[in-house]
Amino acid sequence: MESGAMVIGCSCNLHKRLMGNEGEDIFNTLPEFVVGHILSLLPTKDAVRTSVLSKSWLSRWTFVNKLDLDDSVFYSSKKKTVAKKHFMNFVNRALLLTESSSLDSFSLVISNKYDACLVNTWISSILKRNVKNLRINSHFDQHLPFFVLTSRSLLALKLLEEVEIKMSSCAIRVPTAHVHFGSLKVLKLSGIVFTIDDYVKYLRLRLPVLKEFESKNCVWLNAICVTLEAPLLERVYIEDSKTTSHELRRGGIWIYAWHLAEFTYCGYGLWQHIVLSEPSVAHNASANITINLPVTRPVGLQGIQLLKQFSQVKHLKFDGSQVTTLKGVANLPVFGMMSHLELGLVTAEFLLGLLLKSPVLRTLHFKGIYSFEQELLNSGVVPGCLRATLQVVKFENFNGLEHELCLAKFLIENGGVLERMSFSLVSSQLGKSKIIEEFKKKLFSFKKSFSLAIVEFSND
């Protein structure tokens, strides 16, 4: 039995149970908006199916306060051309017949290609209502510039609480220097080119109750600076996974937030400056920064500049030290409050430099050393955290190489309070090899500067 038939069957049983002793339909005594709220708990397609129950149910689904339109539901059991026609008819009917002038939630998910004018008509129809939660997600690379026509309507929605727009290619024109959403709590954007008018060089986004901001492969054209004023902002996620010319992203993003708890940046290069209003706003935050290769220009100093914005975090995850320069390592900030550090593939110079700038570090994880200079460890310089605070060290992607042994020796002989050192093997076969047996013998022969330590090897 299909899911739709099951929903109708359940609705029929519910309908019978709600009949009074004299056969009176209790639903008939309920206001239409209450019935609409109940039907809103169902997927929109199933709410529409209740219209077959009886004549009195023909139009009750039209009072729903939530619409979720997903074409994948229609394509699962029909031919593509038939499914496409059925979905378009369904959306047109749903938008035309629904009575509510305001919607708590609207979701449009499309995985196939449709005429741009038709999609634009759908979006325009919804933006004329007072939507609170708006979600538009297109998996298909349609290159639809439809939001150019509806951006004014989008900016006029003052009751918005959550917005998620994910497109392969979408243009939104911003005709003003000031954008204000007084109720917006969640903003997630992906694949959007924001076009700023030529006379607007500095764009100001005022979001007084925003708590979550996400931007994936978004571009702010013509803007020298985009200011995000969000005093309650807790989570920031910025991703630039597509290579784009530096000229296209010359603007910077300034973030004014005082309750930041989590910041994530992931990209092929820092094409735009990201600046916190005050590094102290991140004193209770965790930062996750990944700079991927290849990059088309040196980004070492830019990476260090971004790290400086988070000099007071407690937890830092950084992957991309291979693109930092010698000058960048010398300019590392002091991480006076950082207790937990996770690193990707690093140079010994960067690792030592960062340890020297982390006086209260307690936990260190790193994926491996790809460049190693023995004289760095023989220089006599020992980070203060190694003698006083560092308790846990984890080697990930461990190969049992000589330079890994040298680093482990340095940590063991100078670790004043070291309690645990673990090695996550790069493969399960390595654990059975003579390489690891020899490594263990040498490791346990080192003179320890602490009374107790757990040394473990694992395959995870």
Protein backbone atom coordinates (compact mmCIF):
# COMPACT_ATOMS: atom_id res chain seq x y z
CA MET A 1 0.00 0.00 0.00
CA GLU A 2 1.35 3.45 -0.88
CA SER A 3 2.06 5.99 1.84
CA GLY A 4 -0.71 8.25 0.55
CA ALA A 5 -3.27 5.45 0.86
CA MET A 6 -2.08 4.79 4.39
CA VAL A 7 -2.53 8.47 5.31
CA ILE A 8 -6.06 8.49 3.88
CA GLY A 9 -6.87 5.25 5.71
CA CYS A 10 -5.65 6.71 8.98
CA SER A 11 -7.64 9.88 8.33
CA CYS A 12 -10.78 7.81 7.71
CA ASN A 13 -10.32 5.96 11.02
CA LEU A 14 -9.75 9.24 12.81
CA HIS A 15 -12.82 10.63 11.09
CA LYS A 16 -14.95 7.72 12.39
CA ARG A 17 -13.62 8.02 15.94
CA LEU A 18 -14.51 11.69 15.99
CA MET A 19 -18.16 11.01 15.05
CA GLY A 20 -20.55 11.54 17.94
CA ASN A 21 -23.28 9.12 19.05
CA GLU A 22 -25.71 10.65 16.61
CA GLY A 23 -23.23 10.61 13.75
CA GLU A 24 -22.23 14.25 14.15
CA ASP A 25 -18.80 15.04 12.76
CA ILE A 26 -16.85 16.75 15.55
CA PHE A 27 -14.57 18.33 12.93
CA ASN A 28 -17.59 20.32 11.70
CA THR A 29 -17.67 22.13 15.04
CA LEU A 30 -14.03 23.19 14.83
CA PRO A 31 -13.05 26.55 13.34
CA GLU A 32 -11.40 26.26 9.92
CA PHE A 33 -8.10 27.67 11.18
CA VAL A 34 -7.94 24.90 13.83
CA VAL A 35 -8.54 22.25 11.17
CA GLY A 36 -5.89 23.94 9.05
CA HIS A 37 -3.42 23.82 11.92
CA ILE A 38 -4.08 20.10 12.43
CA LEU A 39 -3.62 19.35 8.73
CA SER A 40 -0.42 21.40 8.75
CA LEU A 41 1.13 18.66 10.85
CA LEU A 42 0.96 16.42 7.75
CA PRO A 43 3.18 16.75 4.67
CA THR A 44 1.40 19.08 2.25
CA LYS A 45 0.86 16.32 -0.30
CA ASP A 46 -0.89 14.17 2.32
CA ALA A 47 -2.95 17.11 3.61
CA VAL A 48 -4.28 17.61 0.07
CA ARG A 49 -5.21 13.93 -0.12
CA THR A 50 -7.71 14.36 2.73
CA SER A 51 -9.95 16.15 0.23
CA VAL A 52 -11.22 12.73 -0.95
CA LEU A 53 -12.75 11.92 2.45
CA SER A 54 -16.03 13.70 1.75
CA LYS A 55 -17.48 16.82 0.16
CA SER A 56 -17.01 18.74 3.40
CA TRP A 57 -13.30 17.96 3.24
CA LEU A 58 -12.77 19.20 -0.32
CA SER A 59 -11.33 22.54 0.72
CA ARG A 60 -10.28 22.06 4.33
CA TRP A 61 -6.65 21.49 3.40
CA THR A 62 -6.57 25.00 1.94
CA PHE A 63 -6.43 26.44 5.48
CA VAL A 64 -3.01 24.96 6.26
CA ASN A 65 -0.40 27.38 7.62
CA LYS A 66 2.54 25.38 6.30
CA LEU A 67 3.50 24.40 2.75
CA ASP A 68 6.31 21.96 1.95
CA LEU A 69 6.74 21.35 -1.77
CA ASP A 70 9.34 18.76 -2.76
CA ASP A 71 9.46 17.44 -6.32
CA SER A 72 11.43 14.31 -5.32
CA VAL A 73 8.20 12.91 -3.84
CA PHE A 74 6.60 13.04 -7.31
CA TYR A 75 9.56 11.61 -9.24
CA SER A 76 9.93 8.45 -7.16
CA SER A 77 7.29 6.33 -8.91
CA LYS A 78 6.47 8.09 -12.20
CA LYS A 79 8.11 8.82 -15.51
CA LYS A 80 10.05 12.06 -15.48
CA THR A 81 7.82 13.98 -17.88
CA VAL A 82 4.63 12.86 -16.11
CA ALA A 83 6.07 13.54 -12.66
CA LYS A 84 7.24 17.00 -13.71
CA LYS A 85 3.77 17.92 -14.96
CA HIS A 86 2.10 16.57 -11.83
CA PHE A 87 4.46 18.53 -9.57
CA MET A 88 3.92 21.80 -11.45
CA ASN A 89 0.15 21.34 -11.30
CA PHE A 90 0.36 20.50 -7.60
CA VAL A 91 2.40 23.61 -6.77
CA ASN A 92 0.14 25.88 -8.82
CA ARG A 93 -2.93 24.45 -7.12
CA ALA A 94 -1.43 24.71 -3.64
CA LEU A 95 -0.41 28.35 -4.12
CA LEU A 96 -3.71 29.30 -5.73
CA LEU A 97 -6.10 27.63 -3.31
CA THR A 98 -4.48 28.03 0.10
CA GLU A 99 -6.46 30.62 2.05
CA SER A 100 -3.96 31.76 4.66
CA SER A 101 -2.63 35.27 4.07
CA SER A 102 0.35 34.41 6.25
CA LEU A 103 2.33 31.19 6.51
CA ASP A 104 4.31 29.91 9.45
CA SER A 105 6.50 27.89 7.10
CA PHE A 106 7.16 27.55 3.38
CA SER A 107 9.61 25.07 1.87
CA LEU A 108 10.38 24.55 -1.82
CA VAL A 109 12.84 21.78 -2.72
CA ILE A 110 13.46 21.18 -6.43
CA SER A 111 15.91 18.68 -7.86
CA ASN A 112 14.96 19.05 -11.53
CA LYS A 113 14.99 21.82 -14.10
CA TYR A 114 11.96 24.09 -14.50
CA ASP A 115 11.24 27.22 -16.48
CA ALA A 116 12.79 30.22 -14.71
CA CYS A 117 9.68 32.35 -15.12
CA LEU A 118 7.52 29.64 -13.56
CA VAL A 119 9.78 29.26 -10.52
CA ASN A 120 9.91 33.03 -10.20
CA THR A 121 6.10 33.11 -10.16
CA TRP A 122 6.02 30.54 -7.36
CA ILE A 123 8.50 32.48 -5.26
CA SER A 124 6.78 35.81 -5.90
CA SER A 125 3.46 34.35 -4.78
CA ILE A 126 4.92 33.20 -1.49
CA LEU A 127 6.81 36.41 -0.78
CA LYS A 128 3.53 38.32 -0.90
CA ARG A 129 2.50 36.53 2.29
CA ASN A 130 3.90 37.09 5.77
CA VAL A 131 6.14 34.03 5.87
CA LYS A 132 8.00 33.30 9.10
CA ASN A 133 10.17 30.36 8.03
CA LEU A 134 11.37 30.34 4.41
CA ARG A 135 13.33 27.48 2.83
CA ILE A 136 14.29 27.27 -0.85
CA ASN A 137 16.63 24.51 -1.94
CA SER A 138 17.58 23.69 -5.51
CA HIS A 139 19.92 20.75 -6.15
CA PHE A 140 19.88 21.23 -9.91
CA ASP A 141 22.29 23.62 -11.58
CA GLN A 142 19.60 25.79 -13.15
CA HIS A 143 21.41 29.14 -13.16
CA LEU A 144 18.17 30.85 -12.28
CA PRO A 145 18.47 34.60 -11.66
CA PHE A 146 14.86 34.69 -10.49
CA PHE A 147 15.55 36.44 -7.22
CA VAL A 148 16.60 39.55 -9.09
CA LEU A 149 12.89 40.13 -9.66
CA THR A 150 11.79 39.36 -6.11
CA SER A 151 14.57 40.75 -3.93
CA ARG A 152 12.52 43.78 -2.89
CA SER A 153 9.72 41.48 -1.72
CA LEU A 154 12.24 39.36 0.18
CA LEU A 155 13.72 42.36 1.95
CA ALA A 156 10.21 43.53 2.86
CA LEU A 157 9.40 40.39 4.89
CA LYS A 158 9.79 41.79 8.39
CA LEU A 159 8.32 38.75 10.21
CA LEU A 160 10.96 36.31 8.97
CA GLU A 161 12.43 34.15 11.72
CA GLU A 162 14.33 31.53 9.71
CA VAL A 163 15.67 31.75 6.14
CA GLU A 164 17.48 29.04 4.20
CA ILE A 165 18.24 29.65 0.51
CA LYS A 166 20.49 27.11 -1.19
CA MET A 167 20.93 27.44 -4.94
CA SER A 168 23.50 26.42 -7.53
CA SER A 169 23.31 29.87 -9.07
CA CYS A 170 21.16 32.69 -7.83
CA ALA A 171 21.34 36.48 -7.96
CA ILE A 172 19.86 38.80 -5.36
CA ARG A 173 20.04 42.52 -5.93
CA VAL A 174 20.37 44.59 -2.78
CA PRO A 175 19.08 48.08 -3.59
CA THR A 176 19.83 49.66 -0.22
CA ALA A 177 22.77 50.24 2.09
CA HIS A 178 20.83 49.14 5.17
CA VAL A 179 19.00 45.83 5.62
CA HIS A 180 17.06 45.17 8.82
CA PHE A 181 15.30 41.98 9.92
CA GLY A 182 14.07 42.43 13.47
CA SER A 183 12.82 38.85 14.00
CA LEU A 184 15.37 36.80 12.06
CA LYS A 185 17.08 34.13 14.18
CA VAL A 186 18.58 31.79 11.55
CA LEU A 187 20.08 32.82 8.19
CA LYS A 188 21.58 30.19 5.86
CA LEU A 189 22.69 31.15 2.36
CA SER A 190 24.40 29.12 -0.36
CA GLY A 191 25.39 29.80 -3.98
CA ILE A 192 24.12 33.38 -4.06
CA VAL A 193 25.63 36.41 -5.76
CA PHE A 194 24.50 39.53 -3.94
CA THR A 195 24.69 42.49 -6.32
CA ILE A 196 25.12 45.78 -4.52
CA ASP A 197 24.25 48.99 -6.34
CA ASP A 198 27.29 50.97 -7.45
CA TYR A 199 26.58 53.86 -5.09
CA VAL A 200 26.36 51.46 -2.10
CA LYS A 201 29.93 50.64 -1.08
CA TYR A 202 29.27 49.75 2.54
CA LEU A 203 26.40 47.37 3.27
CA ARG A 204 24.99 47.18 6.79
CA LEU A 205 22.97 44.15 7.90
CA ARG A 206 21.13 44.76 11.17
CA LEU A 207 19.97 41.48 12.71
CA PRO A 208 19.33 42.15 16.42
CA VAL A 209 18.12 38.62 17.36
CA LEU A 210 20.11 36.51 14.88
CA LYS A 211 21.74 33.45 16.47
CA GLU A 212 22.99 31.44 13.49
CA PHE A 213 24.62 32.69 10.27
CA GLU A 214 25.78 30.42 7.44
CA SER A 215 27.26 31.46 4.09
CA LYS A 216 28.46 28.95 1.49
CA ASN A 217 30.04 30.17 -1.75
CA CYS A 218 28.28 33.52 -1.59
CA VAL A 219 29.68 36.65 -3.22
CA TRP A 220 29.02 40.30 -2.39
CA LEU A 221 29.64 42.21 -5.60
CA ASN A 222 30.69 45.89 -5.50
CA ALA A 223 30.73 46.03 -1.68
CA ILE A 224 33.92 47.23 -0.05
CA CYS A 225 32.64 46.14 3.34
CA VAL A 226 29.68 44.12 4.59
CA THR A 227 28.89 44.73 8.25
CA LEU A 228 26.95 42.09 10.16
CA GLU A 229 25.45 43.61 13.29
CA ALA A 230 24.14 40.68 15.34
CA PRO A 231 24.72 41.14 19.08
CA LEU A 232 23.14 37.74 19.95
CA LEU A 233 24.96 35.78 17.23
CA GLU A 234 26.26 32.43 18.49
CA ARG A 235 27.27 30.41 15.42
CA VAL A 236 29.04 31.52 12.22
CA TYR A 237 29.85 29.23 9.29
CA ILE A 238 31.59 30.64 6.18
CA GLU A 239 32.65 28.42 3.28
CA ASP A 240 34.42 29.34 0.03
CA SER A 241 34.94 26.01 -1.68
CA LYS A 242 34.94 27.46 -5.21
CA THR A 243 37.95 29.26 -6.62
CA THR A 244 37.08 32.81 -7.62
CA SER A 245 39.18 35.78 -8.65
CA HIS A 246 40.36 38.01 -5.85
CA GLU A 247 38.83 41.04 -7.57
CA LEU A 248 35.41 39.46 -7.34
CA ARG A 249 35.65 39.15 -3.57
CA ARG A 250 37.57 42.21 -2.63
CA GLY A 251 35.13 43.18 0.11
CA GLY A 252 35.49 42.28 3.76
CA ILE A 253 33.03 40.99 6.33
CA TRP A 254 32.94 42.72 9.70
CA ILE A 255 31.11 40.82 12.43
CA TYR A 256 29.72 42.63 15.45
CA ALA A 257 28.67 39.92 17.91
CA TRP A 258 29.06 39.59 21.66
CA HIS A 259 27.91 36.02 22.33
CA LEU A 260 29.89 34.07 19.73
CA ALA A 261 30.20 30.38 20.66
CA GLU A 262 31.32 28.74 17.40
CA PHE A 263 33.10 30.03 14.29
CA THR A 264 33.95 27.95 11.22
CA TYR A 265 35.77 28.97 8.05
CA CYS A 266 36.53 26.56 5.20
CA GLY A 267 37.91 27.57 1.82
CA TYR A 268 40.62 27.56 -0.83
CA GLY A 269 41.90 30.92 0.22
CA LEU A 270 40.87 33.95 2.21
CA TRP A 271 39.50 35.98 -0.69
CA GLN A 272 37.77 38.32 1.72
CA HIS A 273 38.88 39.69 5.07
CA ILE A 274 36.89 38.46 8.04
CA VAL A 275 37.12 40.73 11.04
CA LEU A 276 35.59 40.46 14.50
CA SER A 277 34.69 43.72 16.16
CA GLU A 278 36.66 42.60 19.23
CA PRO A 279 38.74 39.42 19.72
CA SER A 280 37.40 39.32 23.29
CA VAL A 281 33.89 38.46 22.01
CA ALA A 282 35.18 34.96 21.23
CA HIS A 283 36.61 34.25 24.68
CA ASN A 284 34.16 31.38 25.23
CA ALA A 285 34.09 30.26 21.60
CA SER A 286 35.57 27.45 19.57
CA ALA A 287 37.11 28.22 16.18
CA ASN A 288 37.46 25.81 13.25
CA ILE A 289 39.58 27.16 10.37
CA THR A 290 40.44 25.11 7.29
CA ILE A 291 42.44 26.50 4.34
CA ASN A 292 42.46 23.95 1.56
CA LEU A 293 44.94 23.43 -1.23
CA PRO A 294 45.51 24.27 -3.99
CA VAL A 295 45.48 28.03 -3.67
CA THR A 296 46.30 30.45 -6.45
CA ARG A 297 48.12 32.93 -4.25
CA PRO A 298 50.00 32.86 -0.93
CA VAL A 299 47.53 33.10 1.95
CA GLY A 300 49.90 32.63 4.86
CA LEU A 301 49.56 36.14 6.24
CA GLN A 302 45.81 36.14 5.65
CA GLY A 303 45.55 32.89 7.62
CA ILE A 304 47.55 34.38 10.48
CA GLN A 305 45.37 37.50 10.41
CA LEU A 306 42.29 35.34 10.75
CA LEU A 307 43.86 33.41 13.62
CA LYS A 308 44.54 36.70 15.38
CA GLN A 309 40.79 37.32 15.45
CA PHE A 310 40.48 34.28 17.72
CA SER A 311 43.41 34.76 20.06
CA GLN A 312 41.13 34.35 23.08
CA VAL A 313 39.27 31.17 22.13
CA LYS A 314 39.36 28.10 24.36
CA HIS A 315 39.13 25.55 21.54
CA LEU A 316 40.88 25.88 18.17
CA LYS A 317 40.90 23.56 15.18
CA PHE A 318 43.23 24.73 12.40
CA ASP A 319 44.08 22.95 9.16
CA GLY A 320 46.14 24.79 6.60
CA SER A 321 49.44 25.61 8.24
CA GLN A 322 51.19 24.28 5.12
CA VAL A 323 50.31 27.53 3.38
CA THR A 324 51.66 29.76 6.15
CA THR A 325 54.92 31.58 5.59
CA LEU A 326 57.90 31.92 7.91
CA LYS A 327 56.84 35.49 8.58
CA GLY A 328 53.38 34.24 9.39
CA VAL A 329 54.68 31.81 12.02
CA ALA A 330 56.66 34.62 13.63
CA ASN A 331 53.48 36.71 13.84
CA LEU A 332 51.32 34.12 15.58
CA PRO A 333 49.24 35.69 18.36
CA VAL A 334 49.32 34.55 21.96
CA PHE A 335 46.40 32.22 22.70
CA GLY A 336 46.19 33.02 26.38
CA MET A 337 42.99 31.06 27.09
CA MET A 338 43.25 28.11 24.70
CA SER A 339 43.07 24.71 26.38
CA HIS A 340 42.30 22.44 23.37
CA LEU A 341 44.11 22.47 20.01
CA GLU A 342 43.54 20.34 16.90
CA LEU A 343 45.83 20.67 13.89
CA GLY A 344 45.94 19.15 10.44
CA LEU A 345 49.20 18.30 8.69
CA VAL A 346 51.76 20.73 10.10
CA THR A 347 55.40 21.68 9.91
CA ALA A 348 57.47 21.21 13.05
CA GLU A 349 58.20 24.94 12.98
CA PHE A 350 54.51 25.85 12.99
CA LEU A 351 53.72 23.33 15.74
CA LEU A 352 56.51 24.55 18.00
CA GLY A 353 55.63 28.18 17.28
CA LEU A 354 52.00 27.62 18.19
CA LEU A 355 52.90 25.71 21.38
CA LEU A 356 55.11 28.61 22.45
CA LYS A 357 52.09 30.92 22.09
CA SER A 358 49.69 28.65 24.02
CA PRO A 359 50.64 28.95 27.72
CA VAL A 360 47.66 27.04 29.20
CA LEU A 361 47.17 24.32 26.58
CA ARG A 362 45.93 21.02 28.03
CA THR A 363 45.05 18.87 24.97
CA LEU A 364 46.86 18.62 21.61
CA HIS A 365 45.74 16.61 18.53
CA PHE A 366 47.46 16.75 15.15
CA LYS A 367 47.30 14.71 11.94
CA GLY A 368 50.99 14.54 11.19
CA ILE A 369 54.28 16.30 10.48
CA TYR A 370 55.13 16.82 6.82
CA SER A 371 58.23 18.99 7.30
CA PHE A 372 60.65 18.40 10.14
CA GLU A 373 63.89 20.01 11.26
CA GLN A 374 65.68 18.23 14.11
CA GLU A 375 67.58 21.34 15.16
CA LEU A 376 64.31 23.00 16.20
CA LEU A 377 63.93 20.45 19.01
CA ASN A 378 67.59 20.69 19.93
CA SER A 379 67.48 24.46 20.36
CA GLY A 380 66.68 24.18 24.05
CA VAL A 381 63.43 26.13 23.67
CA VAL A 382 60.65 24.30 25.52
CA PRO A 383 57.10 25.70 25.46
CA GLY A 384 55.76 26.61 28.88
CA CYS A 385 52.56 24.63 28.36
CA LEU A 386 54.63 21.45 27.87
CA ARG A 387 56.18 21.81 31.30
CA ALA A 388 53.12 23.06 33.19
CA THR A 389 49.72 22.29 31.58
CA LEU A 390 49.81 19.88 28.60
CA GLN A 391 48.23 16.60 29.71
CA VAL A 392 47.05 14.82 26.52
CA VAL A 393 48.77 14.45 23.13
CA LYS A 394 47.32 12.51 20.21
CA PHE A 395 49.17 11.63 16.99
CA GLU A 396 46.64 11.00 14.18
CA ASN A 397 47.47 9.23 10.90
CA PHE A 398 50.54 7.83 12.65
CA ASN A 399 53.12 6.05 10.42
CA GLY A 400 55.89 5.19 12.89
CA LEU A 401 58.43 7.36 11.05
CA GLU A 402 61.68 8.58 12.54
CA HIS A 403 60.65 12.21 12.84
CA GLU A 404 57.48 11.14 14.69
CA LEU A 405 59.69 9.30 17.16
CA CYS A 406 61.85 12.40 17.62
CA LEU A 407 58.83 14.54 18.35
CA ALA A 408 57.39 11.98 20.76
CA LYS A 409 60.75 11.88 22.56
CA PHE A 410 60.78 15.67 22.86
CA LEU A 411 57.27 15.67 24.35
CA ILE A 412 57.94 12.80 26.76
CA GLU A 413 61.24 14.14 28.08
CA ASN A 414 59.87 17.67 28.59
CA GLY A 415 56.26 16.97 29.50
CA GLY A 416 56.03 17.92 33.13
CA VAL A 417 52.37 16.95 33.60
CA LEU A 418 51.78 14.71 30.59
CA GLU A 419 49.23 12.00 31.41
CA ARG A 420 48.32 10.38 28.10
CA MET A 421 49.93 9.99 24.68
CA SER A 422 48.01 8.14 21.99
CA PHE A 423 48.86 7.12 18.45
CA SER A 424 46.11 6.55 15.88
CA LEU A 425 47.63 4.30 13.24
CA VAL A 426 47.24 5.22 9.58
CA SER A 427 46.22 1.61 8.82
CA SER A 428 45.32 -1.56 10.73
CA GLN A 429 48.13 -3.45 8.98
CA LEU A 430 50.69 -1.10 10.46
CA GLY A 431 49.78 -2.29 13.95
CA LYS A 432 51.00 -5.80 13.10
CA SER A 433 54.30 -4.69 11.59
CA LYS A 434 57.80 -4.70 13.05
CA ILE A 435 57.90 -0.93 12.58
CA ILE A 436 55.49 -0.39 15.46
CA GLU A 437 57.24 -2.94 17.67
CA GLU A 438 60.55 -1.12 17.21
CA PHE A 439 58.85 2.21 17.75
CA LYS A 440 57.36 1.03 21.05
CA LYS A 441 60.71 -0.27 22.33
CA LYS A 442 62.42 3.06 21.65
CA LEU A 443 59.48 5.06 23.00
CA PHE A 444 59.41 3.24 26.33
CA SER A 445 63.18 3.65 26.71
CA PHE A 446 62.97 7.44 26.87
CA LYS A 447 63.50 9.15 30.18
CA LYS A 448 60.20 10.52 31.43
CA SER A 449 59.90 13.81 33.27
CA PHE A 450 56.55 12.79 34.79
CA SER A 451 55.54 9.99 37.15
CA LEU A 452 52.60 8.46 35.26
CA ALA A 453 51.53 8.35 31.60
CA ILE A 454 49.24 6.17 29.50
CA VAL A 455 50.63 5.33 26.07
CA GLU A 456 48.18 3.71 23.67
CA PHE A 457 48.06 2.66 20.01
CA SER A 458 44.77 2.33 18.12
CA ASN A 459 43.39 1.98 14.60
CA ASP A 460 40.73 4.70 14.82
